[in-house]
Amino acid sequence: MAFKISDDCAACGACESECPNGAIVAGDRYSIDPEKCTDCGTCADVCPVGAISGEKK
């Protein structure tokens, strides 16, 4: 299961630059491409508002 970004996303961009797989898609609210997400959890670790959830492998 890929990580997900909730409506609490502040679109700050912190997660986008940290994703080693380029799975973060920028927008008004960021999203994660489930085909590219490897469940590493790096995005969730750097999110300042806790808007990213999922299970780390």
N, C-alpha and C. Protein backbone atom coordinates (compact mmCIF):
# COMPACT_ATOMS: atom_id res chain seq x y z
N MET A 1 0.84 -1.19 0.00
CA MET A 1 0.00 0.00 0.00
C MET A 1 0.88 1.24 0.00
N ALA A 2 0.66 2.14 -0.92
CA ALA A 2 1.42 3.37 -1.00
C ALA A 2 0.99 4.33 0.10
N PHE A 3 1.91 5.22 0.47
CA PHE A 3 1.58 6.27 1.42
C PHE A 3 0.57 7.20 0.77
N LYS A 4 -0.20 7.90 1.59
CA LYS A 4 -1.24 8.81 1.11
C LYS A 4 -1.05 10.18 1.77
N ILE A 5 -1.45 11.23 1.06
CA ILE A 5 -1.40 12.58 1.59
C ILE A 5 -2.83 13.05 1.81
N SER A 6 -3.12 13.50 3.03
CA SER A 6 -4.48 13.91 3.39
C SER A 6 -4.76 15.36 2.98
N ASP A 7 -5.99 15.79 3.21
CA ASP A 7 -6.40 17.17 2.93
C ASP A 7 -5.69 18.17 3.82
N ASP A 8 -4.99 17.71 4.85
CA ASP A 8 -4.24 18.60 5.74
C ASP A 8 -2.96 19.11 5.09
N CYS A 9 -2.62 18.62 3.91
CA CYS A 9 -1.40 19.01 3.20
C CYS A 9 -1.34 20.53 3.04
N ALA A 10 -0.18 21.11 3.41
CA ALA A 10 0.03 22.54 3.29
C ALA A 10 0.76 22.90 1.99
N ALA A 11 1.04 21.92 1.15
CA ALA A 11 1.73 22.11 -0.14
C ALA A 11 3.04 22.87 0.04
N CYS A 12 3.79 22.51 1.08
CA CYS A 12 5.05 23.20 1.38
C CYS A 12 6.21 22.68 0.54
N GLY A 13 6.10 21.46 0.02
CA GLY A 13 7.14 20.89 -0.83
C GLY A 13 8.23 20.12 -0.10
N ALA A 14 8.15 20.04 1.21
CA ALA A 14 9.19 19.33 1.97
C ALA A 14 9.31 17.87 1.54
N CYS A 15 8.20 17.22 1.29
CA CYS A 15 8.20 15.80 0.93
C CYS A 15 8.73 15.56 -0.48
N GLU A 16 8.41 16.46 -1.39
CA GLU A 16 8.76 16.26 -2.81
C GLU A 16 10.26 16.10 -3.00
N SER A 17 11.04 16.95 -2.36
CA SER A 17 12.49 16.90 -2.55
C SER A 17 13.13 15.72 -1.84
N GLU A 18 12.44 15.14 -0.86
CA GLU A 18 12.99 14.02 -0.09
C GLU A 18 12.67 12.65 -0.67
N CYS A 19 11.68 12.55 -1.54
CA CYS A 19 11.27 11.25 -2.08
C CYS A 19 12.35 10.69 -3.01
N PRO A 20 12.92 9.53 -2.68
CA PRO A 20 13.98 8.96 -3.52
C PRO A 20 13.48 8.39 -4.84
N ASN A 21 12.17 8.26 -4.99
CA ASN A 21 11.61 7.65 -6.19
C ASN A 21 10.83 8.61 -7.07
N GLY A 22 10.77 9.87 -6.69
CA GLY A 22 10.03 10.86 -7.48
C GLY A 22 8.54 10.57 -7.52
N ALA A 23 8.01 10.03 -6.42
CA ALA A 23 6.60 9.64 -6.38
C ALA A 23 5.66 10.77 -5.96
N ILE A 24 6.21 11.89 -5.49
CA ILE A 24 5.38 13.00 -5.03
C ILE A 24 5.01 13.88 -6.22
N VAL A 25 3.71 14.16 -6.37
CA VAL A 25 3.20 14.98 -7.45
C VAL A 25 2.72 16.31 -6.85
N ALA A 26 3.33 17.43 -7.29
CA ALA A 26 2.98 18.75 -6.77
C ALA A 26 1.62 19.21 -7.28
N GLY A 27 0.99 20.07 -6.49
CA GLY A 27 -0.29 20.65 -6.85
C GLY A 27 -0.81 21.48 -5.70
N ASP A 28 -2.07 21.89 -5.76
CA ASP A 28 -2.66 22.63 -4.64
C ASP A 28 -2.56 21.80 -3.37
N ARG A 29 -2.76 20.52 -3.54
CA ARG A 29 -2.53 19.52 -2.47
C ARG A 29 -1.69 18.46 -3.14
N TYR A 30 -0.58 18.14 -2.55
CA TYR A 30 0.32 17.16 -3.16
C TYR A 30 -0.31 15.76 -3.11
N SER A 31 0.16 14.88 -3.99
CA SER A 31 -0.31 13.50 -4.00
C SER A 31 0.88 12.58 -4.23
N ILE A 32 0.66 11.29 -4.02
CA ILE A 32 1.71 10.30 -4.18
C ILE A 32 1.29 9.30 -5.26
N ASP A 33 2.16 9.11 -6.23
CA ASP A 33 1.92 8.15 -7.30
C ASP A 33 2.14 6.74 -6.72
N PRO A 34 1.09 5.94 -6.58
CA PRO A 34 1.23 4.62 -5.96
C PRO A 34 2.10 3.66 -6.77
N GLU A 35 2.27 3.92 -8.05
CA GLU A 35 3.12 3.07 -8.89
C GLU A 35 4.60 3.28 -8.58
N LYS A 36 4.95 4.47 -8.10
CA LYS A 36 6.35 4.79 -7.80
C LYS A 36 6.69 4.67 -6.32
N CYS A 37 5.68 4.73 -5.45
CA CYS A 37 5.90 4.70 -4.01
C CYS A 37 6.37 3.31 -3.56
N THR A 38 7.46 3.27 -2.79
CA THR A 38 7.99 2.00 -2.28
C THR A 38 7.77 1.87 -0.78
N ASP A 39 6.92 2.71 -0.20
CA ASP A 39 6.58 2.67 1.23
C ASP A 39 7.79 2.88 2.14
N CYS A 40 8.75 3.71 1.71
CA CYS A 40 9.93 3.94 2.54
C CYS A 40 9.62 4.84 3.73
N GLY A 41 8.62 5.72 3.60
CA GLY A 41 8.21 6.57 4.71
C GLY A 41 8.98 7.86 4.86
N THR A 42 9.92 8.13 3.97
CA THR A 42 10.70 9.36 4.07
C THR A 42 9.81 10.58 4.01
N CYS A 43 8.81 10.57 3.16
CA CYS A 43 7.91 11.71 3.03
C CYS A 43 7.17 11.99 4.34
N ALA A 44 6.70 10.94 4.97
CA ALA A 44 5.97 11.09 6.23
C ALA A 44 6.88 11.63 7.33
N ASP A 45 8.14 11.22 7.31
CA ASP A 45 9.10 11.67 8.32
C ASP A 45 9.37 13.16 8.24
N VAL A 46 9.31 13.74 7.04
CA VAL A 46 9.64 15.16 6.88
C VAL A 46 8.42 16.08 6.82
N CYS A 47 7.21 15.54 6.76
CA CYS A 47 6.02 16.37 6.66
C CYS A 47 5.80 17.17 7.96
N PRO A 48 5.85 18.51 7.88
CA PRO A 48 5.72 19.32 9.09
C PRO A 48 4.32 19.36 9.68
N VAL A 49 3.31 18.97 8.90
CA VAL A 49 1.94 19.01 9.41
C VAL A 49 1.33 17.63 9.61
N GLY A 50 2.12 16.57 9.41
CA GLY A 50 1.65 15.21 9.62
C GLY A 50 0.55 14.78 8.67
N ALA A 51 0.60 15.26 7.43
CA ALA A 51 -0.46 14.98 6.46
C ALA A 51 -0.24 13.69 5.68
N ILE A 52 0.87 12.99 5.92
CA ILE A 52 1.18 11.79 5.15
C ILE A 52 1.13 10.56 6.04
N SER A 53 0.41 9.54 5.58
CA SER A 53 0.28 8.34 6.37
C SER A 53 0.43 7.09 5.51
N GLY A 54 0.75 6.00 6.15
CA GLY A 54 0.94 4.73 5.49
C GLY A 54 1.75 3.83 6.40
N GLU A 55 2.17 2.70 5.88
CA GLU A 55 2.97 1.76 6.67
C GLU A 55 4.35 1.64 6.08
N LYS A 56 5.37 1.87 6.91
CA LYS A 56 6.75 1.69 6.44
C LYS A 56 7.07 0.24 6.29
N LYS A 57 7.85 -0.07 5.27
CA LYS A 57 8.31 -1.45 5.07
C LYS A 57 9.58 -1.65 5.84
